[in-house]
C-alpha cells in the first residue's frame, strides 16, 4: 500500500463515488481495456461522459490506480485516497482487479 493511501477517508464521499460509479459510469459509459500495458500498468479508456478519461491499474497492486479526471487529482485525492467514480467502475467491472477496492475500505 502506498504511503499516500494512509490518508483519511471520508465515508460519505466514498459511498457517493460508489453510487455514481454504479449508476452512471457502469450503465452509460464505455470502458475499454487497451491491448498493451504502459510501464507495467493496464490502461482503460473511459468514454461516453462529458469528457474522456484514462484509468491506469497496476496488476500487481504496486501503486494505487490513477485516473486523468479532475476529481481524482483534487477532491477524491483528499477524501477517498484518489478513488474517483471512474477508477471504482473499472475495478468493479474487472474481476482481476476488484480486490484493489479494498484500499477504499481499509
C-alpha atoms as a PDB file:
ATOM      1  CA  UNK A   1       0.000   0.000   0.000  1.00  0.00           C
ATOM      2  CA  UNK A   2       1.299   3.460  -0.879  1.00  0.00           C
ATOM      3  CA  UNK A   3       2.247   5.804   1.953  1.00  0.00           C
ATOM      4  CA  UNK A   4      -0.276   8.219   0.454  1.00  0.00           C
ATOM      5  CA  UNK A   5      -3.006   5.600   0.942  1.00  0.00           C
ATOM      6  CA  UNK A   6      -2.850   6.177   4.691  1.00  0.00           C
ATOM      7  CA  UNK A   7      -4.709   9.480   4.274  1.00  0.00           C
ATOM      8  CA  UNK A   8      -8.043   9.976   5.975  1.00  0.00           C
ATOM      9  CA  UNK A   9     -11.127   8.542   4.320  1.00  0.00           C
ATOM     10  CA  UNK A  10     -14.438  10.386   4.045  1.00  0.00           C
ATOM     11  CA  UNK A  11     -17.028   7.596   4.162  1.00  0.00           C
ATOM     12  CA  UNK A  12     -19.825   9.665   2.647  1.00  0.00           C
ATOM     13  CA  UNK A  13     -17.606  10.767  -0.241  1.00  0.00           C
ATOM     14  CA  UNK A  14     -16.543   7.148  -0.784  1.00  0.00           C
ATOM     15  CA  UNK A  15     -20.119   5.901  -0.809  1.00  0.00           C
ATOM     16  CA  UNK A  16     -21.232   8.696  -3.155  1.00  0.00           C
ATOM     17  CA  UNK A  17     -18.493   7.729  -5.616  1.00  0.00           C
ATOM     18  CA  UNK A  18     -19.528   4.066  -5.475  1.00  0.00           C
ATOM     19  CA  UNK A  19     -23.139   5.006  -6.261  1.00  0.00           C
ATOM     20  CA  UNK A  20     -22.070   7.279  -9.119  1.00  0.00           C
ATOM     21  CA  UNK A  21     -19.790   4.554 -10.484  1.00  0.00           C
ATOM     22  CA  UNK A  22     -22.660   2.078 -10.496  1.00  0.00           C
ATOM     23  CA  UNK A  23     -25.395   4.465 -11.630  1.00  0.00           C
ATOM     24  CA  UNK A  24     -23.616   6.457 -14.304  1.00  0.00           C
ATOM     25  CA  UNK A  25     -20.261   5.013 -15.333  1.00  0.00           C
ATOM     26  CA  UNK A  26     -21.167   1.324 -15.475  1.00  0.00           C
ATOM     27  CA  UNK A  27     -24.549   1.979 -17.070  1.00  0.00           C
ATOM     28  CA  UNK A  28     -23.805   4.682 -19.617  1.00  0.00           C
ATOM     29  CA  UNK A  29     -20.042   4.973 -20.187  1.00  0.00           C
ATOM     30  CA  UNK A  30     -17.899   2.655 -22.250  1.00  0.00           C
ATOM     31  CA  UNK A  31     -14.866   1.117 -20.527  1.00  0.00           C
ATOM     32  CA  UNK A  32     -12.289  -0.232 -22.974  1.00  0.00           C
ATOM     33  CA  UNK A  33      -9.130  -2.042 -21.953  1.00  0.00           C
ATOM     34  CA  UNK A  34      -6.119  -1.273 -24.124  1.00  0.00           C
ATOM     35  CA  UNK A  35      -4.277  -4.262 -25.530  1.00  0.00           C
ATOM     36  CA  UNK A  36      -0.834  -3.051 -24.455  1.00  0.00           C
ATOM     37  CA  UNK A  37       0.277  -2.098 -20.971  1.00  0.00           C
ATOM     38  CA  UNK A  38       2.174   1.114 -20.330  1.00  0.00           C
ATOM     39  CA  UNK A  39       5.031   0.911 -17.823  1.00  0.00           C
ATOM     40  CA  UNK A  40       3.537  -2.270 -16.349  1.00  0.00           C
ATOM     41  CA  UNK A  41       0.127  -0.646 -15.919  1.00  0.00           C
ATOM     42  CA  UNK A  42      -3.108  -1.813 -17.536  1.00  0.00           C
ATOM     43  CA  UNK A  43      -4.805   1.147 -19.210  1.00  0.00           C
ATOM     44  CA  UNK A  44      -8.561   1.655 -19.620  1.00  0.00           C
ATOM     45  CA  UNK A  45     -10.232   4.313 -21.736  1.00  0.00           C
ATOM     46  CA  UNK A  46     -13.459   5.726 -20.290  1.00  0.00           C
ATOM     47  CA  UNK A  47     -15.729   7.297 -22.910  1.00  0.00           C
ATOM     48  CA  UNK A  48     -19.344   8.393 -23.088  1.00  0.00           C
ATOM     49  CA  UNK A  49     -19.343  11.070 -20.408  1.00  0.00           C
ATOM     50  CA  UNK A  50     -18.825  14.791 -20.764  1.00  0.00           C
ATOM     51  CA  UNK A  51     -15.100  14.103 -21.328  1.00  0.00           C
ATOM     52  CA  UNK A  52     -12.979  11.040 -21.981  1.00  0.00           C
ATOM     53  CA  UNK A  53     -10.630   9.834 -19.253  1.00  0.00           C
ATOM     54  CA  UNK A  54      -7.893   7.270 -18.811  1.00  0.00           C
ATOM     55  CA  UNK A  55      -7.573   4.925 -15.838  1.00  0.00           C
ATOM     56  CA  UNK A  56      -4.378   3.009 -15.102  1.00  0.00           C
ATOM     57  CA  UNK A  57      -4.314  -0.038 -12.820  1.00  0.00           C
ATOM     58  CA  UNK A  58      -1.168  -1.867 -11.790  1.00  0.00           C
ATOM     59  CA  UNK A  59      -1.913  -5.620 -11.956  1.00  0.00           C
ATOM     60  CA  UNK A  60       0.427  -6.418  -9.066  1.00  0.00           C
ATOM     61  CA  UNK A  61      -1.026  -3.660  -6.876  1.00  0.00           C
ATOM     62  CA  UNK A  62       2.315  -1.840  -6.635  1.00  0.00           C
ATOM     63  CA  UNK A  63       0.566   1.518  -6.568  1.00  0.00           C
ATOM     64  CA  UNK A  64      -2.967   2.845  -6.379  1.00  0.00           C
ATOM     65  CA  UNK A  65      -4.957   3.151  -9.599  1.00  0.00           C
ATOM     66  CA  UNK A  66      -4.770   6.523 -11.334  1.00  0.00           C
ATOM     67  CA  UNK A  67      -7.360   8.464 -13.348  1.00  0.00           C
ATOM     68  CA  UNK A  68      -6.938  11.512 -15.555  1.00  0.00           C
ATOM     69  CA  UNK A  69     -10.177  13.134 -14.322  1.00  0.00           C
ATOM     70  CA  UNK A  70     -10.050  16.315 -12.210  1.00  0.00           C
ATOM     71  CA  UNK A  71     -11.847  14.638  -9.293  1.00  0.00           C
ATOM     72  CA  UNK A  72      -9.096  12.034  -8.863  1.00  0.00           C
ATOM     73  CA  UNK A  73      -6.489  14.790  -8.683  1.00  0.00           C
ATOM     74  CA  UNK A  74      -8.425  17.044  -6.317  1.00  0.00           C
ATOM     75  CA  UNK A  75     -11.458  16.112  -4.211  1.00  0.00           C
ATOM     76  CA  UNK A  76     -11.074  12.336  -4.414  1.00  0.00           C
ATOM     77  CA  UNK A  77      -7.389  12.661  -3.604  1.00  0.00           C
ATOM     78  CA  UNK A  78      -8.255  14.387  -0.342  1.00  0.00           C
ATOM     79  CA  UNK A  79     -11.331  12.373   0.660  1.00  0.00           C
ATOM     80  CA  UNK A  80     -11.139   8.886  -0.872  1.00  0.00           C
ATOM     81  CA  UNK A  81      -7.432   8.281  -1.463  1.00  0.00           C
ATOM     82  CA  UNK A  82      -7.805   9.230  -5.121  1.00  0.00           C
ATOM     83  CA  UNK A  83     -10.508   6.694  -5.952  1.00  0.00           C
ATOM     84  CA  UNK A  84     -12.892   8.550  -8.266  1.00  0.00           C
ATOM     85  CA  UNK A  85     -16.027   7.056  -9.828  1.00  0.00           C
ATOM     86  CA  UNK A  86     -14.056   6.077 -12.956  1.00  0.00           C
ATOM     87  CA  UNK A  87     -11.478   4.060 -11.018  1.00  0.00           C
ATOM     88  CA  UNK A  88     -14.192   2.414  -8.937  1.00  0.00           C
ATOM     89  CA  UNK A  89     -16.153   1.492 -12.086  1.00  0.00           C
ATOM     90  CA  UNK A  90     -13.063  -0.021 -13.732  1.00  0.00           C
ATOM     91  CA  UNK A  91     -12.268  -2.073 -10.643  1.00  0.00           C
ATOM     92  CA  UNK A  92     -15.879  -3.208 -10.237  1.00  0.00           C
ATOM     93  CA  UNK A  93     -16.088  -4.297 -13.866  1.00  0.00           C
ATOM     94  CA  UNK A  94     -12.861  -6.362 -13.852  1.00  0.00           C
ATOM     95  CA  UNK A  95     -12.692  -9.469 -11.698  1.00  0.00           C
ATOM     96  CA  UNK A  96      -8.895  -9.496 -11.728  1.00  0.00           C
ATOM     97  CA  UNK A  97      -8.700  -6.012 -10.196  1.00  0.00           C
ATOM     98  CA  UNK A  98     -11.783  -5.957  -7.962  1.00  0.00           C
ATOM     99  CA  UNK A  99      -9.698  -6.835  -4.881  1.00  0.00           C
ATOM    100  CA  UNK A 100      -7.964  -3.451  -5.192  1.00  0.00           C
ATOM    101  CA  UNK A 101     -11.198  -1.841  -3.983  1.00  0.00           C
ATOM    102  CA  UNK A 102     -10.116  -2.973  -0.514  1.00  0.00           C
ATOM    103  CA  UNK A 103      -7.920   0.130  -0.379  1.00  0.00           C
ATOM    104  CA  UNK A 104     -11.072   2.246  -0.212  1.00  0.00           C
ATOM    105  CA  UNK A 105     -12.409   0.297   2.772  1.00  0.00           C
ATOM    106  CA  UNK A 106      -9.293  -0.082   4.904  1.00  0.00           C
END
